[in-house]
Amino acid sequence: MSVALPGAVTARVGRVRGWMTRQQAARTPNSVLLVLAVAVLNVIGLVMVLSASSVESLDSKGDPWWFFERQLMWTSLGAIAFVAASRFDHRRWRRLAPLLAELPSADSVTLDLHKVGWQPAATSVLLVADRNRFSAFDRSVDYLNPADDIDSGLDGLLGRTLQTTRRPDAVKVATTLTAYGRAGLGAMLDTCHELAHAAAARVVADSNLELLAPVTLTTVLFRVAGHGLEPTAADALQGEVRRRLLTSGRVLIGRTKLPARGGRPGAVALKLTLLNPNATAADIEDLLDQVVATAFDVLAGTGEGAA
């Protein structure tokens, strides 16, 4: 006997089967062998650390397991990061290939996982072309990392990280990837990226608004046009519009300032950072309508005329 399933259920079953097929295809004999080899090498490495350091550890720390336990901790964190990375579909990065063309000439690269990783607290990645640039962190502060404390094994993170508190950020990222999966996070980012393009198109279509830069990921930089206003007055208009919307409780919108470039002076910009995958184009339409209406109210109060 066959049972006809609703369309939504059939589609979901199809997606699950497709995911299972991709997972099975990914588990080729070579990939399994590679994972096993890495696991065996890590185990051998741990044994070698224990064998080589137990006497020194007992002599200097009073515990033969001290160095081994630290190595085991970092191995465990590496395993978590490995699982997290394996769940991310690397093919999605191909869409960003044009943005990465100049990557070799960059001094540093950052990725804000608080935003595009939907993390509840600040979590980010910082890469630099020259490791000597991290020498600025190599500092000694008497109340944080005095030399005699370090010699006694009470070391801190000052000089190793931008944040000196111990926080397992890798665990947060791994938990998010486990909950949503690489496809789920990818779909959320795609949705927000498409929403940003819709917002940019809406800005371009409105003569009262001006798009200041192409869309990058989920950010839209724009401003109220302020036709006929002096540059300083136009900048002041952006700030006043933002403050009125903020204090009204209706719209929370960001702001920044674009540097002078290509003969164009620096300008204050309003900023949308669209990270809610449940938002719609209608929501953006309403938001931008409120921006324009507020700008008209500001200009009416100052006697400057229409935006």
C-alpha atoms as a PDB file:
ATOM      1  CA  MET A   1       0.000   0.000   0.000  1.00  0.00           C
ATOM      2  CA  SER A   2       1.348   3.431  -0.873  1.00  0.00           C
ATOM      3  CA  VAL A   3       0.574   6.623   0.993  1.00  0.00           C
ATOM      4  CA  ALA A   4       0.698  10.034  -0.634  1.00  0.00           C
ATOM      5  CA  LEU A   5       2.713  12.433   1.509  1.00  0.00           C
ATOM      6  CA  PRO A   6       2.092  16.202   1.613  1.00  0.00           C
ATOM      7  CA  GLY A   7       4.365  18.204  -0.641  1.00  0.00           C
ATOM      8  CA  ALA A   8       6.272  19.804   2.233  1.00  0.00           C
ATOM      9  CA  VAL A   9       6.951  16.415   3.821  1.00  0.00           C
ATOM     10  CA  THR A  10       8.053  14.947   0.507  1.00  0.00           C
ATOM     11  CA  ALA A  11      10.430  17.852  -0.041  1.00  0.00           C
ATOM     12  CA  ARG A  12      11.910  17.465   3.436  1.00  0.00           C
ATOM     13  CA  VAL A  13      12.344  13.715   2.950  1.00  0.00           C
ATOM     14  CA  GLY A  14      14.064  14.432  -0.344  1.00  0.00           C
ATOM     15  CA  ARG A  15      16.451  16.869   1.339  1.00  0.00           C
ATOM     16  CA  VAL A  16      17.255  14.349   4.075  1.00  0.00           C
ATOM     17  CA  ARG A  17      17.924  11.621   1.518  1.00  0.00           C
ATOM     18  CA  GLY A  18      20.115  14.008  -0.459  1.00  0.00           C
ATOM     19  CA  TRP A  19      22.077  14.887   2.670  1.00  0.00           C
ATOM     20  CA  MET A  20      22.547  11.201   3.527  1.00  0.00           C
ATOM     21  CA  THR A  21      23.708  10.508  -0.018  1.00  0.00           C
ATOM     22  CA  ARG A  22      26.243  13.333   0.153  1.00  0.00           C
ATOM     23  CA  GLN A  23      27.505  12.130   3.523  1.00  0.00           C
ATOM     24  CA  GLN A  24      27.921   8.589   2.216  1.00  0.00           C
ATOM     25  CA  ALA A  25      29.691   9.871  -0.873  1.00  0.00           C
ATOM     26  CA  ALA A  26      32.006  11.964   1.299  1.00  0.00           C
ATOM     27  CA  ARG A  27      33.024   8.894   3.325  1.00  0.00           C
ATOM     28  CA  THR A  28      35.271   7.436   0.679  1.00  0.00           C
ATOM     29  CA  PRO A  29      37.892   4.851   1.689  1.00  0.00           C
ATOM     30  CA  ASN A  30      40.592   7.489   1.270  1.00  0.00           C
ATOM     31  CA  SER A  31      38.845  10.010   3.543  1.00  0.00           C
ATOM     32  CA  VAL A  32      38.257   7.390   6.242  1.00  0.00           C
ATOM     33  CA  LEU A  33      41.880   6.307   5.990  1.00  0.00           C
ATOM     34  CA  LEU A  34      43.034   9.916   6.295  1.00  0.00           C
ATOM     35  CA  VAL A  35      40.939  10.514   9.418  1.00  0.00           C
ATOM     36  CA  LEU A  36      42.213   7.295  11.004  1.00  0.00           C
ATOM     37  CA  ALA A  37      45.803   8.219  10.193  1.00  0.00           C
ATOM     38  CA  VAL A  38      45.404  11.661  11.795  1.00  0.00           C
ATOM     39  CA  ALA A  39      43.787  10.104  14.877  1.00  0.00           C
ATOM     40  CA  VAL A  40      46.574   7.516  15.242  1.00  0.00           C
ATOM     41  CA  LEU A  41      49.277  10.182  14.843  1.00  0.00           C
ATOM     42  CA  ASN A  42      47.621  12.300  17.530  1.00  0.00           C
ATOM     43  CA  VAL A  43      47.490   9.362  19.919  1.00  0.00           C
ATOM     44  CA  ILE A  44      51.164   8.549  19.229  1.00  0.00           C
ATOM     45  CA  GLY A  45      52.018  12.203  19.770  1.00  0.00           C
ATOM     46  CA  LEU A  46      50.251  12.259  23.127  1.00  0.00           C
ATOM     47  CA  VAL A  47      52.092   9.135  24.240  1.00  0.00           C
ATOM     48  CA  MET A  48      55.414  10.662  23.177  1.00  0.00           C
ATOM     49  CA  VAL A  49      54.653  13.882  25.067  1.00  0.00           C
ATOM     50  CA  LEU A  50      53.857  11.898  28.203  1.00  0.00           C
ATOM     51  CA  SER A  51      56.978   9.757  27.842  1.00  0.00           C
ATOM     52  CA  ALA A  52      59.303  12.687  27.198  1.00  0.00           C
ATOM     53  CA  SER A  53      57.912  15.141  29.740  1.00  0.00           C
ATOM     54  CA  SER A  54      56.786  13.128  32.772  1.00  0.00           C
ATOM     55  CA  VAL A  55      60.097  13.408  34.647  1.00  0.00           C
ATOM     56  CA  GLU A  56      60.498  17.139  33.922  1.00  0.00           C
ATOM     57  CA  SER A  57      56.826  17.693  34.726  1.00  0.00           C
ATOM     58  CA  LEU A  58      57.189  15.935  38.096  1.00  0.00           C
ATOM     59  CA  ASP A  59      60.365  17.856  38.883  1.00  0.00           C
ATOM     60  CA  SER A  60      59.128  21.343  37.917  1.00  0.00           C
ATOM     61  CA  LYS A  61      55.379  21.076  38.496  1.00  0.00           C
ATOM     62  CA  GLY A  62      55.069  18.328  41.071  1.00  0.00           C
ATOM     63  CA  ASP A  63      52.750  16.413  38.753  1.00  0.00           C
ATOM     64  CA  PRO A  64      53.957  13.953  36.079  1.00  0.00           C
ATOM     65  CA  TRP A  65      50.790  14.513  34.069  1.00  0.00           C
ATOM     66  CA  TRP A  66      50.946  18.325  33.870  1.00  0.00           C
ATOM     67  CA  PHE A  67      52.363  18.726  30.323  1.00  0.00           C
ATOM     68  CA  PHE A  68      50.379  15.745  29.072  1.00  0.00           C
ATOM     69  CA  GLU A  69      47.083  17.176  30.319  1.00  0.00           C
ATOM     70  CA  ARG A  70      47.756  20.507  28.622  1.00  0.00           C
ATOM     71  CA  GLN A  71      48.571  18.726  25.368  1.00  0.00           C
ATOM     72  CA  LEU A  72      45.438  16.612  25.719  1.00  0.00           C
ATOM     73  CA  MET A  73      43.347  19.754  26.228  1.00  0.00           C
ATOM     74  CA  TRP A  74      44.645  21.352  23.011  1.00  0.00           C
ATOM     75  CA  THR A  75      44.225  18.081  21.118  1.00  0.00           C
ATOM     76  CA  SER A  76      40.592  17.936  22.263  1.00  0.00           C
ATOM     77  CA  LEU A  77      39.970  21.532  21.155  1.00  0.00           C
ATOM     78  CA  GLY A  78      41.578  20.718  17.822  1.00  0.00           C
ATOM     79  CA  ALA A  79      39.245  17.730  17.433  1.00  0.00           C
ATOM     80  CA  ILE A  80      36.238  19.975  18.071  1.00  0.00           C
ATOM     81  CA  ALA A  81      37.472  22.454  15.493  1.00  0.00           C
ATOM     82  CA  PHE A  82      38.053  19.561  13.065  1.00  0.00           C
ATOM     83  CA  VAL A  83      34.450  18.366  13.456  1.00  0.00           C
ATOM     84  CA  ALA A  84      33.143  21.921  13.034  1.00  0.00           C
ATOM     85  CA  ALA A  85      35.164  22.471   9.856  1.00  0.00           C
ATOM     86  CA  SER A  86      34.116  19.118   8.404  1.00  0.00           C
ATOM     87  CA  ARG A  87      30.443  20.113   8.670  1.00  0.00           C
ATOM     88  CA  PHE A  88      30.864  23.267   6.602  1.00  0.00           C
ATOM     89  CA  ASP A  89      30.295  23.039   2.865  1.00  0.00           C
ATOM     90  CA  HIS A  90      33.485  24.526   1.439  1.00  0.00           C
ATOM     91  CA  ARG A  91      31.837  24.972  -1.964  1.00  0.00           C
ATOM     92  CA  ARG A  92      29.859  27.920  -0.617  1.00  0.00           C
ATOM     93  CA  TRP A  93      33.070  29.929  -0.427  1.00  0.00           C
ATOM     94  CA  ARG A  94      33.290  29.854  -4.219  1.00  0.00           C
ATOM     95  CA  ARG A  95      30.704  32.633  -4.328  1.00  0.00           C
ATOM     96  CA  LEU A  96      33.188  34.852  -2.525  1.00  0.00           C
ATOM     97  CA  ALA A  97      36.024  34.133  -4.954  1.00  0.00           C
ATOM     98  CA  PRO A  98      35.947  37.637  -6.543  1.00  0.00           C
ATOM     99  CA  LEU A  99      36.280  39.181  -3.076  1.00  0.00           C
ATOM    100  CA  LEU A 100      39.315  37.021  -2.313  1.00  0.00           C
ATOM    101  CA  ALA A 101      41.275  37.878  -5.470  1.00  0.00           C
ATOM    102  CA  GLU A 102      43.371  40.487  -3.618  1.00  0.00           C
ATOM    103  CA  LEU A 103      43.764  38.375  -0.484  1.00  0.00           C
ATOM    104  CA  PRO A 104      47.528  37.727  -1.002  1.00  0.00           C
ATOM    105  CA  SER A 105      48.218  41.464  -0.732  1.00  0.00           C
ATOM    106  CA  ALA A 106      46.258  41.905   2.518  1.00  0.00           C
ATOM    107  CA  ASP A 107      48.101  42.753   5.740  1.00  0.00           C
ATOM    108  CA  SER A 108      45.426  41.090   7.849  1.00  0.00           C
ATOM    109  CA  VAL A 109      42.149  39.211   7.494  1.00  0.00           C
ATOM    110  CA  THR A 110      39.345  39.027  10.054  1.00  0.00           C
ATOM    111  CA  LEU A 111      36.099  37.092  10.169  1.00  0.00           C
ATOM    112  CA  ASP A 112      33.421  38.215  12.626  1.00  0.00           C
ATOM    113  CA  LEU A 113      31.696  35.026  13.723  1.00  0.00           C
ATOM    114  CA  HIS A 114      29.556  37.043  16.120  1.00  0.00           C
ATOM    115  CA  LYS A 115      27.672  38.188  13.024  1.00  0.00           C
ATOM    116  CA  VAL A 116      28.053  35.694  10.176  1.00  0.00           C
ATOM    117  CA  GLY A 117      28.334  32.804  12.649  1.00  0.00           C
ATOM    118  CA  TRP A 118      25.381  33.952  14.792  1.00  0.00           C
ATOM    119  CA  GLN A 119      27.399  33.678  17.997  1.00  0.00           C
ATOM    120  CA  PRO A 120      25.938  35.175  21.212  1.00  0.00           C
ATOM    121  CA  ALA A 121      29.224  36.840  22.163  1.00  0.00           C
ATOM    122  CA  ALA A 122      32.283  38.246  20.460  1.00  0.00           C
ATOM    123  CA  THR A 123      33.976  35.447  18.537  1.00  0.00           C
ATOM    124  CA  SER A 124      36.323  36.196  15.685  1.00  0.00           C
ATOM    125  CA  VAL A 125      39.316  35.060  13.689  1.00  0.00           C
ATOM    126  CA  LEU A 126      42.353  37.274  13.023  1.00  0.00           C
ATOM    127  CA  LEU A 127      45.079  36.295  10.538  1.00  0.00           C
ATOM    128  CA  VAL A 128      48.132  38.415   9.751  1.00  0.00           C
ATOM    129  CA  ALA A 129      50.614  38.120   6.905  1.00  0.00           C
ATOM    130  CA  ASP A 130      53.589  38.793   9.185  1.00  0.00           C
ATOM    131  CA  ARG A 131      53.602  37.051  12.568  1.00  0.00           C
ATOM    132  CA  ASN A 132      55.853  39.801  13.931  1.00  0.00           C
ATOM    133  CA  ARG A 133      52.817  42.073  13.936  1.00  0.00           C
ATOM    134  CA  PHE A 134      51.678  40.177  17.020  1.00  0.00           C
ATOM    135  CA  SER A 135      54.771  41.378  18.875  1.00  0.00           C
ATOM    136  CA  ALA A 136      52.714  44.316  20.175  1.00  0.00           C
ATOM    137  CA  PHE A 137      50.918  41.841  22.459  1.00  0.00           C
ATOM    138  CA  ASP A 138      54.169  40.622  23.980  1.00  0.00           C
ATOM    139  CA  ARG A 139      53.905  42.681  27.125  1.00  0.00           C
ATOM    140  CA  SER A 140      54.461  42.188  30.809  1.00  0.00           C
ATOM    141  CA  VAL A 141      52.030  43.837  33.214  1.00  0.00           C
ATOM    142  CA  ASP A 142      52.679  43.466  36.914  1.00  0.00           C
ATOM    143  CA  TYR A 143      49.055  42.882  37.887  1.00  0.00           C
ATOM    144  CA  LEU A 144      48.319  40.415  35.057  1.00  0.00           C
ATOM    145  CA  ASN A 145      51.406  38.335  34.296  1.00  0.00           C
ATOM    146  CA  PRO A 146      54.300  39.001  36.682  1.00  0.00           C
ATOM    147  CA  ALA A 147      57.429  37.064  35.771  1.00  0.00           C
ATOM    148  CA  ASP A 148      57.616  35.079  39.025  1.00  0.00           C
ATOM    149  CA  ASP A 149      54.017  33.866  38.600  1.00  0.00           C
ATOM    150  CA  ILE A 150      54.813  32.687  35.077  1.00  0.00           C
ATOM    151  CA  ASP A 151      57.912  30.888  36.348  1.00  0.00           C
ATOM    152  CA  SER A 152      55.695  29.161  38.925  1.00  0.00           C
ATOM    153  CA  GLY A 153      53.299  27.933  36.240  1.00  0.00           C
ATOM    154  CA  LEU A 154      50.545  30.517  36.817  1.00  0.00           C
ATOM    155  CA  ASP A 155      50.573  31.761  33.266  1.00  0.00           C
ATOM    156  CA  GLY A 156      47.861  33.869  31.648  1.00  0.00           C
ATOM    157  CA  LEU A 157      46.861  34.736  28.108  1.00  0.00           C
ATOM    158  CA  LEU A 158      48.338  38.224  27.977  1.00  0.00           C
ATOM    159  CA  GLY A 159      50.663  38.311  24.990  1.00  0.00           C
ATOM    160  CA  ARG A 160      48.820  35.464  23.274  1.00  0.00           C
ATOM    161  CA  THR A 161      45.377  36.826  22.536  1.00  0.00           C
ATOM    162  CA  LEU A 162      43.416  40.056  22.098  1.00  0.00           C
ATOM    163  CA  GLN A 163      41.256  39.033  25.041  1.00  0.00           C
ATOM    164  CA  THR A 164      42.901  37.904  28.252  1.00  0.00           C
ATOM    165  CA  THR A 165      39.941  35.952  29.646  1.00  0.00           C
ATOM    166  CA  ARG A 166      39.770  32.213  29.063  1.00  0.00           C
ATOM    167  CA  ARG A 167      36.711  31.525  26.918  1.00  0.00           C
ATOM    168  CA  PRO A 168      36.210  28.360  24.852  1.00  0.00           C
ATOM    169  CA  ASP A 169      35.108  30.174  21.693  1.00  0.00           C
ATOM    170  CA  ALA A 170      35.731  27.098  19.546  1.00  0.00           C
ATOM    171  CA  VAL A 171      33.104  25.219  21.568  1.00  0.00           C
ATOM    172  CA  LYS A 172      30.502  27.901  20.814  1.00  0.00           C
ATOM    173  CA  VAL A 173      31.174  27.699  17.096  1.00  0.00           C
ATOM    174  CA  ALA A 174      31.128  23.896  17.159  1.00  0.00           C
ATOM    175  CA  THR A 175      27.815  23.888  19.046  1.00  0.00           C
ATOM    176  CA  THR A 176      26.233  26.216  16.499  1.00  0.00           C
ATOM    177  CA  LEU A 177      27.447  24.091  13.593  1.00  0.00           C
ATOM    178  CA  THR A 178      26.163  20.959  15.321  1.00  0.00           C
ATOM    179  CA  ALA A 179      22.724  22.521  15.880  1.00  0.00           C
ATOM    180  CA  TYR A 180      22.228  24.029  12.409  1.00  0.00           C
ATOM    181  CA  GLY A 181      24.662  22.097  10.245  1.00  0.00           C
ATOM    182  CA  ARG A 182      26.675  23.572   7.438  1.00  0.00           C
ATOM    183  CA  ALA A 183      23.654  23.598   5.123  1.00  0.00           C
ATOM    184  CA  GLY A 184      21.518  25.362   7.727  1.00  0.00           C
ATOM    185  CA  LEU A 185      24.077  28.084   8.402  1.00  0.00           C
ATOM    186  CA  GLY A 186      24.765  28.430   4.693  1.00  0.00           C
ATOM    187  CA  ALA A 187      21.053  28.876   3.964  1.00  0.00           C
ATOM    188  CA  MET A 188      20.767  31.529   6.686  1.00  0.00           C
ATOM    189  CA  LEU A 189      23.727  33.461   5.283  1.00  0.00           C
ATOM    190  CA  ASP A 190      22.392  33.161   1.723  1.00  0.00           C
ATOM    191  CA  THR A 191      19.000  34.486   2.829  1.00  0.00           C
ATOM    192  CA  CYS A 192      20.527  37.486   4.580  1.00  0.00           C
ATOM    193  CA  HIS A 193      22.798  38.155   1.598  1.00  0.00           C
ATOM    194  CA  GLU A 194      19.822  38.150  -0.768  1.00  0.00           C
ATOM    195  CA  LEU A 195      17.936  40.417   1.635  1.00  0.00           C
ATOM    196  CA  ALA A 196      20.848  42.863   1.576  1.00  0.00           C
ATOM    197  CA  HIS A 197      20.716  42.947  -2.234  1.00  0.00           C
ATOM    198  CA  ALA A 198      16.953  43.579  -2.058  1.00  0.00           C
ATOM    199  CA  ALA A 199      17.562  46.454   0.353  1.00  0.00           C
ATOM    200  CA  ALA A 200      20.217  47.931  -1.942  1.00  0.00           C
ATOM    201  CA  ALA A 201      17.831  47.728  -4.910  1.00  0.00           C
ATOM    202  CA  ARG A 202      15.161  49.493  -2.850  1.00  0.00           C
ATOM    203  CA  VAL A 203      17.629  52.269  -1.962  1.00  0.00           C
ATOM    204  CA  VAL A 204      18.626  52.745  -5.604  1.00  0.00           C
ATOM    205  CA  ALA A 205      14.973  52.958  -6.651  1.00  0.00           C
ATOM    206  CA  ASP A 206      14.239  55.790  -4.157  1.00  0.00           C
ATOM    207  CA  SER A 207      15.419  59.258  -5.195  1.00  0.00           C
ATOM    208  CA  ASN A 208      15.443  60.292  -1.531  1.00  0.00           C
ATOM    209  CA  LEU A 209      18.122  57.710  -0.718  1.00  0.00           C
ATOM    210  CA  GLU A 210      21.650  57.126  -1.999  1.00  0.00           C
ATOM    211  CA  LEU A 211      23.579  53.848  -2.092  1.00  0.00           C
ATOM    212  CA  LEU A 212      27.192  54.504  -1.057  1.00  0.00           C
ATOM    213  CA  ALA A 213      28.851  51.139  -1.703  1.00  0.00           C
ATOM    214  CA  PRO A 214      28.129  47.755  -3.279  1.00  0.00           C
ATOM    215  CA  VAL A 215      26.637  45.120  -1.006  1.00  0.00           C
ATOM    216  CA  THR A 216      29.179  42.948   0.819  1.00  0.00           C
ATOM    217  CA  LEU A 217      27.733  39.883   2.540  1.00  0.00           C
ATOM    218  CA  THR A 218      24.935  41.331   4.709  1.00  0.00           C
ATOM    219  CA  THR A 219      25.850  45.021   5.001  1.00  0.00           C
ATOM    220  CA  VAL A 220      24.192  47.903   3.132  1.00  0.00           C
ATOM    221  CA  LEU A 221      25.724  51.401   3.317  1.00  0.00           C
ATOM    222  CA  PHE A 222      23.448  54.246   2.259  1.00  0.00           C
ATOM    223  CA  ARG A 223      22.312  57.707   3.279  1.00  0.00           C
ATOM    224  CA  VAL A 224      19.465  60.140   2.927  1.00  0.00           C
ATOM    225  CA  ALA A 225      20.199  62.070  -0.275  1.00  0.00           C
ATOM    226  CA  GLY A 226      19.830  65.535   1.222  1.00  0.00           C
ATOM    227  CA  HIS A 227      19.610  67.296  -2.134  1.00  0.00           C
ATOM    228  CA  GLY A 228      21.046  70.814  -2.006  1.00  0.00           C
ATOM    229  CA  LEU A 229      22.566  70.458   1.460  1.00  0.00           C
ATOM    230  CA  GLU A 230      26.151  71.305   2.261  1.00  0.00           C
ATOM    231  CA  PRO A 231      28.302  68.242   3.072  1.00  0.00           C
ATOM    232  CA  THR A 232      28.405  69.050   6.803  1.00  0.00           C
ATOM    233  CA  ALA A 233      24.632  69.568   6.887  1.00  0.00           C
ATOM    234  CA  ALA A 234      24.061  66.308   4.985  1.00  0.00           C
ATOM    235  CA  ASP A 235      26.256  64.457   7.498  1.00  0.00           C
ATOM    236  CA  ALA A 236      24.358  66.027  10.393  1.00  0.00           C
ATOM    237  CA  LEU A 237      21.092  64.941   8.783  1.00  0.00           C
ATOM    238  CA  GLN A 238      22.151  61.264   8.826  1.00  0.00           C
ATOM    239  CA  GLY A 239      22.995  61.435  12.523  1.00  0.00           C
ATOM    240  CA  GLU A 240      19.763  63.176  13.472  1.00  0.00           C
ATOM    241  CA  VAL A 241      17.638  60.723  11.473  1.00  0.00           C
ATOM    242  CA  ARG A 242      19.350  57.801  13.202  1.00  0.00           C
ATOM    243  CA  ARG A 243      18.918  59.309  16.682  1.00  0.00           C
ATOM    244  CA  ARG A 244      15.223  60.017  16.157  1.00  0.00           C
ATOM    245  CA  LEU A 245      14.555  56.505  14.924  1.00  0.00           C
ATOM    246  CA  LEU A 246      16.539  55.048  17.821  1.00  0.00           C
ATOM    247  CA  THR A 247      14.834  57.070  20.553  1.00  0.00           C
ATOM    248  CA  SER A 248      11.406  56.382  19.052  1.00  0.00           C
ATOM    249  CA  GLY A 249      11.942  52.665  19.551  1.00  0.00           C
ATOM    250  CA  ARG A 250      10.857  51.931  15.996  1.00  0.00           C
ATOM    251  CA  VAL A 251      14.125  51.335  14.134  1.00  0.00           C
ATOM    252  CA  LEU A 252      17.646  50.464  15.252  1.00  0.00           C
ATOM    253  CA  ILE A 253      20.011  51.391  12.464  1.00  0.00           C
ATOM    254  CA  GLY A 254      23.789  51.715  12.445  1.00  0.00           C
ATOM    255  CA  ARG A 255      26.031  54.463  11.189  1.00  0.00           C
ATOM    256  CA  THR A 256      29.627  54.808  10.057  1.00  0.00           C
ATOM    257  CA  LYS A 257      31.768  57.211   8.068  1.00  0.00           C
ATOM    258  CA  LEU A 258      33.216  56.454   4.675  1.00  0.00           C
ATOM    259  CA  PRO A 259      36.687  57.893   4.040  1.00  0.00           C
ATOM    260  CA  ALA A 260      37.376  60.279   1.199  1.00  0.00           C
ATOM    261  CA  ARG A 261      38.120  58.348  -1.974  1.00  0.00           C
ATOM    262  CA  GLY A 262      38.286  58.968  -5.707  1.00  0.00           C
ATOM    263  CA  GLY A 263      37.680  62.697  -5.415  1.00  0.00           C
ATOM    264  CA  ARG A 264      34.645  62.197  -3.196  1.00  0.00           C
ATOM    265  CA  PRO A 265      34.812  63.668   0.315  1.00  0.00           C
ATOM    266  CA  GLY A 266      34.256  61.535   3.393  1.00  0.00           C
ATOM    267  CA  ALA A 267      30.616  61.061   4.278  1.00  0.00           C
ATOM    268  CA  VAL A 268      28.525  59.832   7.198  1.00  0.00           C
ATOM    269  CA  ALA A 269      26.565  56.740   6.168  1.00  0.00           C
ATOM    270  CA  LEU A 270      23.633  54.846   7.581  1.00  0.00           C
ATOM    271  CA  LYS A 271      24.250  51.117   7.835  1.00  0.00           C
ATOM    272  CA  LEU A 272      22.034  48.061   7.685  1.00  0.00           C
ATOM    273  CA  THR A 273      23.547  44.828   8.974  1.00  0.00           C
ATOM    274  CA  LEU A 274      20.914  42.263   8.032  1.00  0.00           C
ATOM    275  CA  LEU A 275      21.303  39.105  10.107  1.00  0.00           C
ATOM    276  CA  ASN A 276      17.726  37.960  10.649  1.00  0.00           C
ATOM    277  CA  PRO A 277      16.943  35.200   8.125  1.00  0.00           C
ATOM    278  CA  ASN A 278      13.254  35.512   9.025  1.00  0.00           C
ATOM    279  CA  ALA A 279      13.093  39.124   7.851  1.00  0.00           C
ATOM    280  CA  THR A 280      11.395  39.850   4.535  1.00  0.00           C
ATOM    281  CA  ALA A 281      11.659  42.405   1.761  1.00  0.00           C
ATOM    282  CA  ALA A 282       8.458  43.950   3.143  1.00  0.00           C
ATOM    283  CA  ASP A 283      10.211  44.528   6.475  1.00  0.00           C
ATOM    284  CA  ILE A 284      13.030  46.330   4.672  1.00  0.00           C
ATOM    285  CA  GLU A 285      10.538  48.369   2.686  1.00  0.00           C
ATOM    286  CA  ASP A 286       8.838  49.535   5.880  1.00  0.00           C
ATOM    287  CA  LEU A 287      12.183  50.331   7.532  1.00  0.00           C
ATOM    288  CA  LEU A 288      13.406  52.481   4.650  1.00  0.00           C
ATOM    289  CA  ASP A 289      10.033  54.227   4.419  1.00  0.00           C
ATOM    290  CA  GLN A 290      10.465  55.233   8.063  1.00  0.00           C
ATOM    291  CA  VAL A 291      13.982  56.495   7.347  1.00  0.00           C
ATOM    292  CA  VAL A 292      12.697  58.720   4.534  1.00  0.00           C
ATOM    293  CA  ALA A 293       9.699  59.940   6.554  1.00  0.00           C
ATOM    294  CA  THR A 294      11.938  60.811   9.505  1.00  0.00           C
ATOM    295  CA  ALA A 295      14.314  62.672   7.193  1.00  0.00           C
ATOM    296  CA  PHE A 296      11.421  64.777   5.907  1.00  0.00           C
ATOM    297  CA  ASP A 297      10.411  65.559   9.500  1.00  0.00           C
ATOM    298  CA  VAL A 298      13.967  66.643  10.337  1.00  0.00           C
ATOM    299  CA  LEU A 299      14.226  68.860   7.261  1.00  0.00           C
ATOM    300  CA  ALA A 300      10.804  70.349   7.872  1.00  0.00           C
ATOM    301  CA  GLY A 301      11.890  71.337  11.367  1.00  0.00           C
ATOM    302  CA  THR A 302      15.056  72.998  10.098  1.00  0.00           C
ATOM    303  CA  GLY A 303      13.406  74.673   7.121  1.00  0.00           C
ATOM    304  CA  GLU A 304      15.786  72.984   4.664  1.00  0.00           C
ATOM    305  CA  GLY A 305      13.052  71.542   2.458  1.00  0.00           C
ATOM    306  CA  ALA A 306      12.648  68.030   0.987  1.00  0.00           C
ATOM    307  CA  ALA A 307      15.308  65.381   1.183  1.00  0.00           C
END
